[in-house]
Amino acid sequence: MCNLSEGIERRGELRGRKIGDKAGRKALGTLLQKLIQEGRKEDVDRVLRDDEYQEQLLREYHLK
């Protein structure tokens, strides 16, 4: 019985991770589109190199 619950838990974790990854990619794509539309090429470059700056801008644009 323990193996069954562990398997269910593992599947739930994998599913949650996939959903989170998909949402994160969508948010990043939206952020990059907005930056490009605003002509902020330097910020696009920095977002792709700097995780902290990426998080900052995702919050600033209410994408996270």
PDB file of N, CA and C in Angstrom:
ATOM      1  N   MET A   1       0.818  -1.196   0.000  1.00  0.00           N
ATOM      2  CA  MET A   1       0.000   0.000   0.000  1.00  0.00           C
ATOM      3  C   MET A   1       0.863   1.261   0.000  1.00  0.00           C
ATOM      4  N   CYS A   2       1.986   1.210   0.668  1.00  0.00           N
ATOM      5  CA  CYS A   2       2.872   2.363   0.741  1.00  0.00           C
ATOM      6  C   CYS A   2       3.422   2.704  -0.649  1.00  0.00           C
ATOM      7  N   ASN A   3       3.780   1.696  -1.417  1.00  0.00           N
ATOM      8  CA  ASN A   3       4.303   1.931  -2.768  1.00  0.00           C
ATOM      9  C   ASN A   3       3.275   2.622  -3.658  1.00  0.00           C
ATOM     10  N   LEU A   4       2.013   2.270  -3.483  1.00  0.00           N
ATOM     11  CA  LEU A   4       0.947   2.886  -4.270  1.00  0.00           C
ATOM     12  C   LEU A   4       0.865   4.380  -3.971  1.00  0.00           C
ATOM     13  N   SER A   5       0.867   4.727  -2.694  1.00  0.00           N
ATOM     14  CA  SER A   5       0.766   6.153  -2.342  1.00  0.00           C
ATOM     15  C   SER A   5       2.010   6.917  -2.791  1.00  0.00           C
ATOM     16  N   GLU A   6       3.172   6.279  -2.731  1.00  0.00           N
ATOM     17  CA  GLU A   6       4.400   6.927  -3.204  1.00  0.00           C
ATOM     18  C   GLU A   6       4.333   7.159  -4.714  1.00  0.00           C
ATOM     19  N   GLY A   7       3.807   6.201  -5.435  1.00  0.00           N
ATOM     20  CA  GLY A   7       3.667   6.344  -6.881  1.00  0.00           C
ATOM     21  C   GLY A   7       2.703   7.453  -7.243  1.00  0.00           C
ATOM     22  N   ILE A   8       1.595   7.533  -6.528  1.00  0.00           N
ATOM     23  CA  ILE A   8       0.617   8.595  -6.766  1.00  0.00           C
ATOM     24  C   ILE A   8       1.236   9.947  -6.462  1.00  0.00           C
ATOM     25  N   GLU A   9       1.962  10.021  -5.364  1.00  0.00           N
ATOM     26  CA  GLU A   9       2.618  11.278  -4.989  1.00  0.00           C
ATOM     27  C   GLU A   9       3.632  11.694  -6.053  1.00  0.00           C
ATOM     28  N   ARG A  10       4.425  10.754  -6.521  1.00  0.00           N
ATOM     29  CA  ARG A  10       5.430  11.033  -7.537  1.00  0.00           C
ATOM     30  C   ARG A  10       4.794  11.537  -8.830  1.00  0.00           C
ATOM     31  N   ARG A  11       3.686  10.896  -9.234  1.00  0.00           N
ATOM     32  CA  ARG A  11       2.990  11.352 -10.447  1.00  0.00           C
ATOM     33  C   ARG A  11       2.450  12.764 -10.268  1.00  0.00           C
ATOM     34  N   GLY A  12       1.931  13.054  -9.081  1.00  0.00           N
ATOM     35  CA  GLY A  12       1.421  14.397  -8.801  1.00  0.00           C
ATOM     36  C   GLY A  12       2.522  15.436  -8.850  1.00  0.00           C
ATOM     37  N   GLU A  13       3.682  15.082  -8.301  1.00  0.00           N
ATOM     38  CA  GLU A  13       4.820  16.006  -8.335  1.00  0.00           C
ATOM     39  C   GLU A  13       5.271  16.266  -9.770  1.00  0.00           C
ATOM     40  N   LEU A  14       5.351  15.230 -10.569  1.00  0.00           N
ATOM     41  CA  LEU A  14       5.751  15.388 -11.974  1.00  0.00           C
ATOM     42  C   LEU A  14       4.750  16.241 -12.742  1.00  0.00           C
ATOM     43  N   ARG A  15       3.478  15.994 -12.496  1.00  0.00           N
ATOM     44  CA  ARG A  15       2.439  16.776 -13.173  1.00  0.00           C
ATOM     45  C   ARG A  15       2.518  18.247 -12.759  1.00  0.00           C
ATOM     46  N   GLY A  16       2.708  18.501 -11.475  1.00  0.00           N
ATOM     47  CA  GLY A  16       2.834  19.866 -10.989  1.00  0.00           C
ATOM     48  C   GLY A  16       4.045  20.567 -11.572  1.00  0.00           C
ATOM     49  N   ARG A  17       5.139  19.836 -11.674  1.00  0.00           N
ATOM     50  CA  ARG A  17       6.361  20.402 -12.245  1.00  0.00           C
ATOM     51  C   ARG A  17       6.145  20.766 -13.719  1.00  0.00           C
ATOM     52  N   LYS A  18       5.474  19.897 -14.462  1.00  0.00           N
ATOM     53  CA  LYS A  18       5.204  20.170 -15.877  1.00  0.00           C
ATOM     54  C   LYS A  18       4.324  21.405 -16.034  1.00  0.00           C
ATOM     55  N   ILE A  19       3.297  21.501 -15.192  1.00  0.00           N
ATOM     56  CA  ILE A  19       2.400  22.657 -15.251  1.00  0.00           C
ATOM     57  C   ILE A  19       3.166  23.924 -14.915  1.00  0.00           C
ATOM     58  N   GLY A  20       4.002  23.870 -13.875  1.00  0.00           N
ATOM     59  CA  GLY A  20       4.802  25.028 -13.486  1.00  0.00           C
ATOM     60  C   GLY A  20       5.794  25.432 -14.556  1.00  0.00           C
ATOM     61  N   ASP A  21       6.445  24.456 -15.166  1.00  0.00           N
ATOM     62  CA  ASP A  21       7.394  24.747 -16.243  1.00  0.00           C
ATOM     63  C   ASP A  21       6.689  25.430 -17.414  1.00  0.00           C
ATOM     64  N   LYS A  22       5.527  24.924 -17.770  1.00  0.00           N
ATOM     65  CA  LYS A  22       4.776  25.496 -18.895  1.00  0.00           C
ATOM     66  C   LYS A  22       4.366  26.933 -18.572  1.00  0.00           C
ATOM     67  N   ALA A  23       3.884  27.171 -17.360  1.00  0.00           N
ATOM     68  CA  ALA A  23       3.476  28.523 -16.961  1.00  0.00           C
ATOM     69  C   ALA A  23       4.678  29.462 -16.951  1.00  0.00           C
ATOM     70  N   GLY A  24       5.819  28.972 -16.489  1.00  0.00           N
ATOM     71  CA  GLY A  24       7.027  29.790 -16.454  1.00  0.00           C
ATOM     72  C   GLY A  24       7.503  30.166 -17.844  1.00  0.00           C
ATOM     73  N   ARG A  25       7.469  29.216 -18.761  1.00  0.00           N
ATOM     74  CA  ARG A  25       7.863  29.503 -20.142  1.00  0.00           C
ATOM     75  C   ARG A  25       6.923  30.515 -20.782  1.00  0.00           C
ATOM     76  N   LYS A  26       5.638  30.371 -20.498  1.00  0.00           N
ATOM     77  CA  LYS A  26       4.657  31.302 -21.063  1.00  0.00           C
ATOM     78  C   LYS A  26       4.892  32.711 -20.515  1.00  0.00           C
ATOM     79  N   ALA A  27       5.134  32.827 -19.215  1.00  0.00           N
ATOM     80  CA  ALA A  27       5.382  34.136 -18.608  1.00  0.00           C
ATOM     81  C   ALA A  27       6.649  34.771 -19.177  1.00  0.00           C
ATOM     82  N   LEU A  28       7.699  33.978 -19.327  1.00  0.00           N
ATOM     83  CA  LEU A  28       8.944  34.499 -19.883  1.00  0.00           C
ATOM     84  C   LEU A  28       8.746  34.940 -21.332  1.00  0.00           C
ATOM     85  N   GLY A  29       8.021  34.169 -22.108  1.00  0.00           N
ATOM     86  CA  GLY A  29       7.741  34.535 -23.492  1.00  0.00           C
ATOM     87  C   GLY A  29       6.968  35.845 -23.576  1.00  0.00           C
ATOM     88  N   THR A  30       5.985  35.989 -22.715  1.00  0.00           N
ATOM     89  CA  THR A  30       5.197  37.220 -22.680  1.00  0.00           C
ATOM     90  C   THR A  30       6.074  38.406 -22.302  1.00  0.00           C
ATOM     91  N   LEU A  31       6.940  38.215 -21.304  1.00  0.00           N
ATOM     92  CA  LEU A  31       7.851  39.281 -20.885  1.00  0.00           C
ATOM     93  C   LEU A  31       8.755  39.696 -22.037  1.00  0.00           C
ATOM     94  N   LEU A  32       9.342  38.729 -22.716  1.00  0.00           N
ATOM     95  CA  LEU A  32      10.241  39.042 -23.826  1.00  0.00           C
ATOM     96  C   LEU A  32       9.504  39.774 -24.941  1.00  0.00           C
ATOM     97  N   GLN A  33       8.282  39.365 -25.247  1.00  0.00           N
ATOM     98  CA  GLN A  33       7.490  40.055 -26.268  1.00  0.00           C
ATOM     99  C   GLN A  33       7.256  41.510 -25.881  1.00  0.00           C
ATOM    100  N   LYS A  34       6.900  41.748 -24.626  1.00  0.00           N
ATOM    101  CA  LYS A  34       6.647  43.119 -24.167  1.00  0.00           C
ATOM    102  C   LYS A  34       7.911  43.967 -24.250  1.00  0.00           C
ATOM    103  N   LEU A  35       9.033  43.396 -23.839  1.00  0.00           N
ATOM    104  CA  LEU A  35      10.286  44.141 -23.893  1.00  0.00           C
ATOM    105  C   LEU A  35      10.662  44.479 -25.334  1.00  0.00           C
ATOM    106  N   ILE A  36      10.472  43.541 -26.234  1.00  0.00           N
ATOM    107  CA  ILE A  36      10.774  43.774 -27.643  1.00  0.00           C
ATOM    108  C   ILE A  36       9.854  44.860 -28.205  1.00  0.00           C
ATOM    109  N   GLN A  37       8.565  44.791 -27.884  1.00  0.00           N
ATOM    110  CA  GLN A  37       7.611  45.798 -28.359  1.00  0.00           C
ATOM    111  C   GLN A  37       7.985  47.190 -27.857  1.00  0.00           C
ATOM    112  N   GLU A  38       8.551  47.247 -26.648  1.00  0.00           N
ATOM    113  CA  GLU A  38       8.938  48.531 -26.064  1.00  0.00           C
ATOM    114  C   GLU A  38      10.336  48.974 -26.493  1.00  0.00           C
ATOM    115  N   GLY A  39      10.990  48.167 -27.326  1.00  0.00           N
ATOM    116  CA  GLY A  39      12.319  48.514 -27.815  1.00  0.00           C
ATOM    117  C   GLY A  39      13.408  48.400 -26.757  1.00  0.00           C
ATOM    118  N   ARG A  40      13.217  47.522 -25.791  1.00  0.00           N
ATOM    119  CA  ARG A  40      14.163  47.378 -24.683  1.00  0.00           C
ATOM    120  C   ARG A  40      15.104  46.194 -24.925  1.00  0.00           C
ATOM    121  N   LYS A  41      15.873  46.255 -26.013  1.00  0.00           N
ATOM    122  CA  LYS A  41      16.756  45.151 -26.398  1.00  0.00           C
ATOM    123  C   LYS A  41      17.780  44.818 -25.317  1.00  0.00           C
ATOM    124  N   GLU A  42      18.345  45.837 -24.673  1.00  0.00           N
ATOM    125  CA  GLU A  42      19.338  45.582 -23.622  1.00  0.00           C
ATOM    126  C   GLU A  42      18.717  44.780 -22.478  1.00  0.00           C
ATOM    127  N   ASP A  43      17.443  45.088 -22.169  1.00  0.00           N
ATOM    128  CA  ASP A  43      16.760  44.348 -21.109  1.00  0.00           C
ATOM    129  C   ASP A  43      16.486  42.904 -21.526  1.00  0.00           C
ATOM    130  N   VAL A  44      16.176  42.695 -22.803  1.00  0.00           N
ATOM    131  CA  VAL A  44      15.982  41.323 -23.302  1.00  0.00           C
ATOM    132  C   VAL A  44      17.266  40.538 -23.090  1.00  0.00           C
ATOM    133  N   ASP A  45      18.384  41.109 -23.490  1.00  0.00           N
ATOM    134  CA  ASP A  45      19.673  40.438 -23.315  1.00  0.00           C
ATOM    135  C   ASP A  45      19.944  40.145 -21.847  1.00  0.00           C
ATOM    136  N   ARG A  46      19.685  41.125 -20.991  1.00  0.00           N
ATOM    137  CA  ARG A  46      19.958  40.947 -19.559  1.00  0.00           C
ATOM    138  C   ARG A  46      19.037  39.907 -18.930  1.00  0.00           C
ATOM    139  N   VAL A  47      17.767  39.900 -19.326  1.00  0.00           N
ATOM    140  CA  VAL A  47      16.815  38.917 -18.797  1.00  0.00           C
ATOM    141  C   VAL A  47      17.282  37.499 -19.108  1.00  0.00           C
ATOM    142  N   LEU A  48      17.880  37.322 -20.285  1.00  0.00           N
ATOM    143  CA  LEU A  48      18.341  35.987 -20.680  1.00  0.00           C
ATOM    144  C   LEU A  48      19.614  35.570 -19.952  1.00  0.00           C
ATOM    145  N   ARG A  49      20.340  36.526 -19.374  1.00  0.00           N
ATOM    146  CA  ARG A  49      21.590  36.216 -18.658  1.00  0.00           C
ATOM    147  C   ARG A  49      21.456  36.267 -17.149  1.00  0.00           C
ATOM    148  N   ASP A  50      20.526  37.065 -16.631  1.00  0.00           N
ATOM    149  CA  ASP A  50      20.466  37.379 -15.204  1.00  0.00           C
ATOM    150  C   ASP A  50      19.129  36.920 -14.620  1.00  0.00           C
ATOM    151  N   ASP A  51      19.146  35.813 -13.884  1.00  0.00           N
ATOM    152  CA  ASP A  51      17.913  35.250 -13.317  1.00  0.00           C
ATOM    153  C   ASP A  51      17.225  36.206 -12.344  1.00  0.00           C
ATOM    154  N   GLU A  52      17.997  36.913 -11.546  1.00  0.00           N
ATOM    155  CA  GLU A  52      17.406  37.845 -10.584  1.00  0.00           C
ATOM    156  C   GLU A  52      16.684  38.982 -11.301  1.00  0.00           C
ATOM    157  N   TYR A  53      17.297  39.518 -12.341  1.00  0.00           N
ATOM    158  CA  TYR A  53      16.672  40.593 -13.111  1.00  0.00           C
ATOM    159  C   TYR A  53      15.418  40.071 -13.805  1.00  0.00           C
ATOM    160  N   GLN A  54      15.480  38.839 -14.295  1.00  0.00           N
ATOM    161  CA  GLN A  54      14.322  38.216 -14.923  1.00  0.00           C
ATOM    162  C   GLN A  54      13.162  38.157 -13.935  1.00  0.00           C
ATOM    163  N   GLU A  55      13.431  37.698 -12.718  1.00  0.00           N
ATOM    164  CA  GLU A  55      12.394  37.624 -11.679  1.00  0.00           C
ATOM    165  C   GLU A  55      11.834  39.010 -11.378  1.00  0.00           C
ATOM    166  N   GLN A  56      12.709  39.997 -11.296  1.00  0.00           N
ATOM    167  CA  GLN A  56      12.292  41.375 -11.013  1.00  0.00           C
ATOM    168  C   GLN A  56      11.316  41.878 -12.076  1.00  0.00           C
ATOM    169  N   LEU A  57      11.652  41.672 -13.336  1.00  0.00           N
ATOM    170  CA  LEU A  57      10.799  42.159 -14.415  1.00  0.00           C
ATOM    171  C   LEU A  57       9.499  41.348 -14.520  1.00  0.00           C
ATOM    172  N   LEU A  58       9.553  40.057 -14.233  1.00  0.00           N
ATOM    173  CA  LEU A  58       8.329  39.256 -14.234  1.00  0.00           C
ATOM    174  C   LEU A  58       7.353  39.799 -13.199  1.00  0.00           C
ATOM    175  N   ARG A  59       7.862  40.182 -12.027  1.00  0.00           N
ATOM    176  CA  ARG A  59       6.999  40.776 -11.001  1.00  0.00           C
ATOM    177  C   ARG A  59       6.526  42.169 -11.421  1.00  0.00           C
ATOM    178  N   GLU A  60       7.436  42.959 -11.985  1.00  0.00           N
ATOM    179  CA  GLU A  60       7.112  44.316 -12.420  1.00  0.00           C
ATOM    180  C   GLU A  60       5.982  44.319 -13.452  1.00  0.00           C
ATOM    181  N   TYR A  61       5.996  43.347 -14.353  1.00  0.00           N
ATOM    182  CA  TYR A  61       4.966  43.239 -15.385  1.00  0.00           C
ATOM    183  C   TYR A  61       3.779  42.372 -14.943  1.00  0.00           C
ATOM    184  N   HIS A  62       3.766  42.013 -13.667  1.00  0.00           N
ATOM    185  CA  HIS A  62       2.666  41.208 -13.076  1.00  0.00           C
ATOM    186  C   HIS A  62       2.472  39.884 -13.808  1.00  0.00           C
ATOM    187  N   LEU A  63       3.585  39.254 -14.152  1.00  0.00           N
ATOM    188  CA  LEU A  63       3.540  37.959 -14.824  1.00  0.00           C
ATOM    189  C   LEU A  63       3.876  36.820 -13.872  1.00  0.00           C
ATOM    190  N   LYS A  64       4.192  37.180 -12.636  1.00  0.00           N
ATOM    191  CA  LYS A  64       4.517  36.166 -11.635  1.00  0.00           C
ATOM    192  C   LYS A  64       3.955  36.572 -10.309  1.00  0.00           C
TER     193      LYS A  64
END
